[in-house]
Amino acid sequence: MSRLLTLTLLLAAATTSACAIPTYEPEPVSVYQWERRQQAVEREMAERERLCRITKDEDPRKAELCRGVSGDQD
């Protein structure tokens, strides 16, 4: 019985600790990598702006989607 309890606690600790580990993204080292990173950031921002623009005002996600988006948000 104690073996099962120990195994369960070990498994629970392993699964919860994996969630707490931050993702590591190495810094780009070449001009090409910096350009790709910048383009990815610009694409993500454009997608956020698009979602903010097309989301209806009564949608509860509107505030979350438009957080940090510059521009007219009437």
PDB file of N, CA and C in Angstrom:
ATOM      1  N   MET A   1       0.822  -1.197   0.000  1.00  0.00           N
ATOM      2  CA  MET A   1       0.000   0.000   0.000  1.00  0.00           C
ATOM      3  C   MET A   1       0.866   1.261   0.000  1.00  0.00           C
ATOM      4  N   SER A   2       1.933   1.238   0.817  1.00  0.00           N
ATOM      5  CA  SER A   2       2.792   2.418   0.880  1.00  0.00           C
ATOM      6  C   SER A   2       3.529   2.631  -0.439  1.00  0.00           C
ATOM      7  N   ARG A   3       3.805   1.548  -1.154  1.00  0.00           N
ATOM      8  CA  ARG A   3       4.450   1.667  -2.450  1.00  0.00           C
ATOM      9  C   ARG A   3       3.535   2.404  -3.440  1.00  0.00           C
ATOM     10  N   LEU A   4       2.263   2.074  -3.415  1.00  0.00           N
ATOM     11  CA  LEU A   4       1.286   2.733  -4.285  1.00  0.00           C
ATOM     12  C   LEU A   4       1.150   4.210  -3.924  1.00  0.00           C
ATOM     13  N   LEU A   5       1.111   4.504  -2.647  1.00  0.00           N
ATOM     14  CA  LEU A   5       1.016   5.890  -2.192  1.00  0.00           C
ATOM     15  C   LEU A   5       2.260   6.681  -2.603  1.00  0.00           C
ATOM     16  N   THR A   6       3.435   6.083  -2.426  1.00  0.00           N
ATOM     17  CA  THR A   6       4.681   6.744  -2.809  1.00  0.00           C
ATOM     18  C   THR A   6       4.715   7.003  -4.306  1.00  0.00           C
ATOM     19  N   LEU A   7       4.311   6.021  -5.089  1.00  0.00           N
ATOM     20  CA  LEU A   7       4.288   6.179  -6.539  1.00  0.00           C
ATOM     21  C   LEU A   7       3.313   7.266  -6.963  1.00  0.00           C
ATOM     22  N   THR A   8       2.157   7.319  -6.335  1.00  0.00           N
ATOM     23  CA  THR A   8       1.158   8.337  -6.643  1.00  0.00           C
ATOM     24  C   THR A   8       1.681   9.734  -6.308  1.00  0.00           C
ATOM     25  N   LEU A   9       2.304   9.882  -5.139  1.00  0.00           N
ATOM     26  CA  LEU A   9       2.844  11.186  -4.751  1.00  0.00           C
ATOM     27  C   LEU A   9       3.989  11.609  -5.666  1.00  0.00           C
ATOM     28  N   LEU A  10       4.823  10.669  -6.060  1.00  0.00           N
ATOM     29  CA  LEU A  10       5.921  10.967  -6.968  1.00  0.00           C
ATOM     30  C   LEU A  10       5.399  11.405  -8.328  1.00  0.00           C
ATOM     31  N   LEU A  11       4.394  10.718  -8.819  1.00  0.00           N
ATOM     32  CA  LEU A  11       3.792  11.079 -10.104  1.00  0.00           C
ATOM     33  C   LEU A  11       3.123  12.449 -10.026  1.00  0.00           C
ATOM     34  N   ALA A  12       2.429  12.738  -8.954  1.00  0.00           N
ATOM     35  CA  ALA A  12       1.775  14.043  -8.786  1.00  0.00           C
ATOM     36  C   ALA A  12       2.814  15.162  -8.717  1.00  0.00           C
ATOM     37  N   ALA A  13       3.900  14.918  -8.011  1.00  0.00           N
ATOM     38  CA  ALA A  13       4.944  15.944  -7.911  1.00  0.00           C
ATOM     39  C   ALA A  13       5.595  16.190  -9.262  1.00  0.00           C
ATOM     40  N   ALA A  14       5.809  15.139 -10.016  1.00  0.00           N
ATOM     41  CA  ALA A  14       6.443  15.283 -11.327  1.00  0.00           C
ATOM     42  C   ALA A  14       5.547  16.040 -12.294  1.00  0.00           C
ATOM     43  N   THR A  15       4.256  15.775 -12.284  1.00  0.00           N
ATOM     44  CA  THR A  15       3.361  16.448 -13.221  1.00  0.00           C
ATOM     45  C   THR A  15       3.158  17.908 -12.857  1.00  0.00           C
ATOM     46  N   THR A  16       3.080  18.237 -11.572  1.00  0.00           N
ATOM     47  CA  THR A  16       2.880  19.639 -11.195  1.00  0.00           C
ATOM     48  C   THR A  16       4.155  20.442 -11.337  1.00  0.00           C
ATOM     49  N   SER A  17       5.300  19.845 -11.119  1.00  0.00           N
ATOM     50  CA  SER A  17       6.550  20.592 -11.259  1.00  0.00           C
ATOM     51  C   SER A  17       6.848  20.883 -12.726  1.00  0.00           C
ATOM     52  N   ALA A  18       6.389  20.047 -13.622  1.00  0.00           N
ATOM     53  CA  ALA A  18       6.607  20.288 -15.046  1.00  0.00           C
ATOM     54  C   ALA A  18       5.859  21.537 -15.509  1.00  0.00           C
ATOM     55  N   CYS A  19       4.769  21.858 -14.874  1.00  0.00           N
ATOM     56  CA  CYS A  19       3.998  23.046 -15.244  1.00  0.00           C
ATOM     57  C   CYS A  19       4.695  24.325 -14.789  1.00  0.00           C
ATOM     58  N   ALA A  20       5.512  24.227 -13.770  1.00  0.00           N
ATOM     59  CA  ALA A  20       6.145  25.410 -13.216  1.00  0.00           C
ATOM     60  C   ALA A  20       7.440  25.779 -13.935  1.00  0.00           C
ATOM     61  N   ILE A  21       7.956  24.907 -14.774  1.00  0.00           N
ATOM     62  CA  ILE A  21       9.204  25.177 -15.460  1.00  0.00           C
ATOM     63  C   ILE A  21       8.955  26.149 -16.612  1.00  0.00           C
ATOM     64  N   PRO A  22       9.609  27.293 -16.604  1.00  0.00           N
ATOM     65  CA  PRO A  22       9.409  28.245 -17.709  1.00  0.00           C
ATOM     66  C   PRO A  22      10.059  27.713 -18.985  1.00  0.00           C
ATOM     67  N   THR A  23       9.484  28.081 -20.096  1.00  0.00           N
ATOM     68  CA  THR A  23      10.056  27.649 -21.364  1.00  0.00           C
ATOM     69  C   THR A  23      11.294  28.488 -21.652  1.00  0.00           C
ATOM     70  N   TYR A  24      12.285  27.855 -22.183  1.00  0.00           N
ATOM     71  CA  TYR A  24      13.542  28.521 -22.498  1.00  0.00           C
ATOM     72  C   TYR A  24      13.622  28.727 -23.994  1.00  0.00           C
ATOM     73  N   GLU A  25      13.793  29.968 -24.381  1.00  0.00           N
ATOM     74  CA  GLU A  25      13.967  30.306 -25.781  1.00  0.00           C
ATOM     75  C   GLU A  25      15.309  31.009 -25.918  1.00  0.00           C
ATOM     76  N   PRO A  26      16.271  30.343 -26.549  1.00  0.00           N
ATOM     77  CA  PRO A  26      17.596  30.955 -26.655  1.00  0.00           C
ATOM     78  C   PRO A  26      17.559  32.227 -27.503  1.00  0.00           C
ATOM     79  N   GLU A  27      18.455  33.140 -27.177  1.00  0.00           N
ATOM     80  CA  GLU A  27      18.563  34.377 -27.947  1.00  0.00           C
ATOM     81  C   GLU A  27      19.064  34.059 -29.357  1.00  0.00           C
ATOM     82  N   PRO A  28      18.522  34.722 -30.345  1.00  0.00           N
ATOM     83  CA  PRO A  28      19.024  34.519 -31.704  1.00  0.00           C
ATOM     84  C   PRO A  28      20.492  34.949 -31.788  1.00  0.00           C
ATOM     85  N   VAL A  29      21.252  34.223 -32.617  1.00  0.00           N
ATOM     86  CA  VAL A  29      22.670  34.543 -32.731  1.00  0.00           C
ATOM     87  C   VAL A  29      23.039  35.084 -34.109  1.00  0.00           C
ATOM     88  N   SER A  30      22.159  34.924 -35.079  1.00  0.00           N
ATOM     89  CA  SER A  30      22.466  35.423 -36.415  1.00  0.00           C
ATOM     90  C   SER A  30      21.414  36.451 -36.831  1.00  0.00           C
ATOM     91  N   VAL A  31      21.748  37.211 -37.848  1.00  0.00           N
ATOM     92  CA  VAL A  31      20.820  38.208 -38.378  1.00  0.00           C
ATOM     93  C   VAL A  31      19.550  37.528 -38.865  1.00  0.00           C
ATOM     94  N   TYR A  32      19.697  36.388 -39.520  1.00  0.00           N
ATOM     95  CA  TYR A  32      18.546  35.636 -40.024  1.00  0.00           C
ATOM     96  C   TYR A  32      17.604  35.237 -38.891  1.00  0.00           C
ATOM     97  N   GLN A  33      18.168  34.750 -37.775  1.00  0.00           N
ATOM     98  CA  GLN A  33      17.345  34.354 -36.632  1.00  0.00           C
ATOM     99  C   GLN A  33      16.631  35.556 -36.016  1.00  0.00           C
ATOM    100  N   TRP A  34      17.322  36.706 -35.941  1.00  0.00           N
ATOM    101  CA  TRP A  34      16.682  37.916 -35.416  1.00  0.00           C
ATOM    102  C   TRP A  34      15.529  38.350 -36.315  1.00  0.00           C
ATOM    103  N   GLU A  35      15.725  38.273 -37.620  1.00  0.00           N
ATOM    104  CA  GLU A  35      14.664  38.646 -38.555  1.00  0.00           C
ATOM    105  C   GLU A  35      13.466  37.718 -38.408  1.00  0.00           C
ATOM    106  N   ARG A  36      13.714  36.422 -38.312  1.00  0.00           N
ATOM    107  CA  ARG A  36      12.619  35.460 -38.141  1.00  0.00           C
ATOM    108  C   ARG A  36      11.867  35.717 -36.842  1.00  0.00           C
ATOM    109  N   ARG A  37      12.606  36.030 -35.777  1.00  0.00           N
ATOM    110  CA  ARG A  37      11.967  36.311 -34.489  1.00  0.00           C
ATOM    111  C   ARG A  37      11.105  37.559 -34.591  1.00  0.00           C
ATOM    112  N   GLN A  38      11.628  38.615 -35.192  1.00  0.00           N
ATOM    113  CA  GLN A  38      10.880  39.852 -35.336  1.00  0.00           C
ATOM    114  C   GLN A  38       9.640  39.657 -36.193  1.00  0.00           C
ATOM    115  N   GLN A  39       9.764  38.900 -37.274  1.00  0.00           N
ATOM    116  CA  GLN A  39       8.613  38.619 -38.134  1.00  0.00           C
ATOM    117  C   GLN A  39       7.551  37.831 -37.382  1.00  0.00           C
ATOM    118  N   ALA A  40       7.962  36.894 -36.529  1.00  0.00           N
ATOM    119  CA  ALA A  40       7.005  36.120 -35.735  1.00  0.00           C
ATOM    120  C   ALA A  40       6.267  37.029 -34.754  1.00  0.00           C
ATOM    121  N   VAL A  41       6.990  37.957 -34.136  1.00  0.00           N
ATOM    122  CA  VAL A  41       6.363  38.907 -33.206  1.00  0.00           C
ATOM    123  C   VAL A  41       5.357  39.783 -33.951  1.00  0.00           C
ATOM    124  N   GLU A  42       5.738  40.251 -35.123  1.00  0.00           N
ATOM    125  CA  GLU A  42       4.842  41.100 -35.916  1.00  0.00           C
ATOM    126  C   GLU A  42       3.594  40.329 -36.360  1.00  0.00           C
ATOM    127  N   ARG A  43       3.754  39.061 -36.734  1.00  0.00           N
ATOM    128  CA  ARG A  43       2.589  38.247 -37.118  1.00  0.00           C
ATOM    129  C   ARG A  43       1.652  38.033 -35.942  1.00  0.00           C
ATOM    130  N   GLU A  44       2.216  37.757 -34.761  1.00  0.00           N
ATOM    131  CA  GLU A  44       1.386  37.569 -33.564  1.00  0.00           C
ATOM    132  C   GLU A  44       0.618  38.845 -33.222  1.00  0.00           C
ATOM    133  N   MET A  45       1.279  39.990 -33.324  1.00  0.00           N
ATOM    134  CA  MET A  45       0.616  41.264 -33.021  1.00  0.00           C
ATOM    135  C   MET A  45      -0.480  41.564 -34.037  1.00  0.00           C
ATOM    136  N   ALA A  46      -0.216  41.278 -35.311  1.00  0.00           N
ATOM    137  CA  ALA A  46      -1.236  41.498 -36.339  1.00  0.00           C
ATOM    138  C   ALA A  46      -2.452  40.596 -36.087  1.00  0.00           C
ATOM    139  N   GLU A  47      -2.204  39.378 -35.650  1.00  0.00           N
ATOM    140  CA  GLU A  47      -3.317  38.466 -35.354  1.00  0.00           C
ATOM    141  C   GLU A  47      -4.117  38.960 -34.153  1.00  0.00           C
ATOM    142  N   ARG A  48      -3.444  39.478 -33.121  1.00  0.00           N
ATOM    143  CA  ARG A  48      -4.149  40.028 -31.958  1.00  0.00           C
ATOM    144  C   ARG A  48      -4.995  41.235 -32.359  1.00  0.00           C
ATOM    145  N   GLU A  49      -4.425  42.107 -33.204  1.00  0.00           N
ATOM    146  CA  GLU A  49      -5.180  43.273 -33.675  1.00  0.00           C
ATOM    147  C   GLU A  49      -6.398  42.840 -34.480  1.00  0.00           C
ATOM    148  N   ARG A  50      -6.226  41.814 -35.324  1.00  0.00           N
ATOM    149  CA  ARG A  50      -7.347  41.313 -36.123  1.00  0.00           C
ATOM    150  C   ARG A  50      -8.437  40.749 -35.224  1.00  0.00           C
ATOM    151  N   LEU A  51      -8.058  39.954 -34.232  1.00  0.00           N
ATOM    152  CA  LEU A  51      -9.043  39.371 -33.319  1.00  0.00           C
ATOM    153  C   LEU A  51      -9.747  40.461 -32.514  1.00  0.00           C
ATOM    154  N   CYS A  52      -9.011  41.473 -32.109  1.00  0.00           N
ATOM    155  CA  CYS A  52      -9.603  42.585 -31.370  1.00  0.00           C
ATOM    156  C   CYS A  52     -10.619  43.319 -32.240  1.00  0.00           C
ATOM    157  N   ARG A  53     -10.264  43.515 -33.496  1.00  0.00           N
ATOM    158  CA  ARG A  53     -11.116  44.260 -34.416  1.00  0.00           C
ATOM    159  C   ARG A  53     -12.414  43.504 -34.740  1.00  0.00           C
ATOM    160  N   ILE A  54     -12.341  42.160 -34.862  1.00  0.00           N
ATOM    161  CA  ILE A  54     -13.527  41.412 -35.287  1.00  0.00           C
ATOM    162  C   ILE A  54     -14.385  40.905 -34.118  1.00  0.00           C
ATOM    163  N   THR A  55     -13.878  41.024 -32.887  1.00  0.00           N
ATOM    164  CA  THR A  55     -14.633  40.566 -31.732  1.00  0.00           C
ATOM    165  C   THR A  55     -15.709  41.590 -31.384  1.00  0.00           C
ATOM    166  N   LYS A  56     -16.916  41.101 -31.158  1.00  0.00           N
ATOM    167  CA  LYS A  56     -18.025  41.992 -30.815  1.00  0.00           C
ATOM    168  C   LYS A  56     -17.834  42.573 -29.423  1.00  0.00           C
ATOM    169  N   ASP A  57     -18.372  43.766 -29.224  1.00  0.00           N
ATOM    170  CA  ASP A  57     -18.208  44.471 -27.953  1.00  0.00           C
ATOM    171  C   ASP A  57     -18.818  43.714 -26.780  1.00  0.00           C
ATOM    172  N   GLU A  58     -19.887  42.964 -27.016  1.00  0.00           N
ATOM    173  CA  GLU A  58     -20.542  42.255 -25.911  1.00  0.00           C
ATOM    174  C   GLU A  58     -19.858  40.935 -25.563  1.00  0.00           C
ATOM    175  N   ASP A  59     -18.858  40.543 -26.324  1.00  0.00           N
ATOM    176  CA  ASP A  59     -18.120  39.306 -26.055  1.00  0.00           C
ATOM    177  C   ASP A  59     -17.266  39.503 -24.804  1.00  0.00           C
ATOM    178  N   PRO A  60     -17.356  38.596 -23.824  1.00  0.00           N
ATOM    179  CA  PRO A  60     -16.571  38.770 -22.594  1.00  0.00           C
ATOM    180  C   PRO A  60     -15.060  38.662 -22.814  1.00  0.00           C
ATOM    181  N   ARG A  61     -14.627  38.105 -23.918  1.00  0.00           N
ATOM    182  CA  ARG A  61     -13.200  37.987 -24.213  1.00  0.00           C
ATOM    183  C   ARG A  61     -12.619  39.252 -24.830  1.00  0.00           C
ATOM    184  N   LYS A  62     -13.453  40.214 -25.140  1.00  0.00           N
ATOM    185  CA  LYS A  62     -13.014  41.434 -25.834  1.00  0.00           C
ATOM    186  C   LYS A  62     -11.889  42.148 -25.081  1.00  0.00           C
ATOM    187  N   ALA A  63     -12.050  42.333 -23.781  1.00  0.00           N
ATOM    188  CA  ALA A  63     -11.030  43.043 -23.004  1.00  0.00           C
ATOM    189  C   ALA A  63      -9.704  42.290 -23.028  1.00  0.00           C
ATOM    190  N   GLU A  64      -9.764  40.971 -22.902  1.00  0.00           N
ATOM    191  CA  GLU A  64      -8.539  40.172 -22.910  1.00  0.00           C
ATOM    192  C   GLU A  64      -7.868  40.203 -24.281  1.00  0.00           C
ATOM    193  N   LEU A  65      -8.660  40.086 -25.344  1.00  0.00           N
ATOM    194  CA  LEU A  65      -8.106  40.076 -26.680  1.00  0.00           C
ATOM    195  C   LEU A  65      -7.503  41.420 -27.067  1.00  0.00           C
ATOM    196  N   CYS A  66      -8.072  42.497 -26.559  1.00  0.00           N
ATOM    197  CA  CYS A  66      -7.615  43.835 -26.949  1.00  0.00           C
ATOM    198  C   CYS A  66      -6.570  44.408 -26.006  1.00  0.00           C
ATOM    199  N   ARG A  67      -6.214  43.688 -24.965  1.00  0.00           N
ATOM    200  CA  ARG A  67      -5.203  44.175 -24.027  1.00  0.00           C
ATOM    201  C   ARG A  67      -3.867  44.295 -24.747  1.00  0.00           C
ATOM    202  N   GLY A  68      -3.284  45.475 -24.703  1.00  0.00           N
ATOM    203  CA  GLY A  68      -1.987  45.699 -25.322  1.00  0.00           C
ATOM    204  C   GLY A  68      -2.038  46.005 -26.809  1.00  0.00           C
ATOM    205  N   VAL A  69      -3.238  46.057 -27.363  1.00  0.00           N
ATOM    206  CA  VAL A  69      -3.377  46.364 -28.792  1.00  0.00           C
ATOM    207  C   VAL A  69      -3.557  47.850 -28.952  1.00  0.00           C
ATOM    208  N   SER A  70      -2.716  48.464 -29.760  1.00  0.00           N
ATOM    209  CA  SER A  70      -2.845  49.899 -29.981  1.00  0.00           C
ATOM    210  C   SER A  70      -3.858  50.148 -31.070  1.00  0.00           C
ATOM    211  N   GLY A  71      -4.383  51.346 -31.101  1.00  0.00           N
ATOM    212  CA  GLY A  71      -5.355  51.693 -32.132  1.00  0.00           C
ATOM    213  C   GLY A  71      -6.714  52.020 -31.545  1.00  0.00           C
ATOM    214  N   ASP A  72      -7.664  52.225 -32.404  1.00  0.00           N
ATOM    215  CA  ASP A  72      -9.007  52.586 -32.014  1.00  0.00           C
ATOM    216  C   ASP A  72      -9.757  51.347 -31.560  1.00  0.00           C
ATOM    217  N   GLN A  73     -10.232  51.333 -30.316  1.00  0.00           N
ATOM    218  CA  GLN A  73     -10.941  50.172 -29.760  1.00  0.00           C
ATOM    219  C   GLN A  73     -12.315  50.566 -29.243  1.00  0.00           C
ATOM    220  N   ASP A  74     -13.081  51.247 -30.027  1.00  0.00           N
ATOM    221  CA  ASP A  74     -14.412  51.702 -29.608  1.00  0.00           C
ATOM    222  C   ASP A  74     -15.373  50.577 -29.466  1.00  0.00           C
TER     223      ASP A  74
END
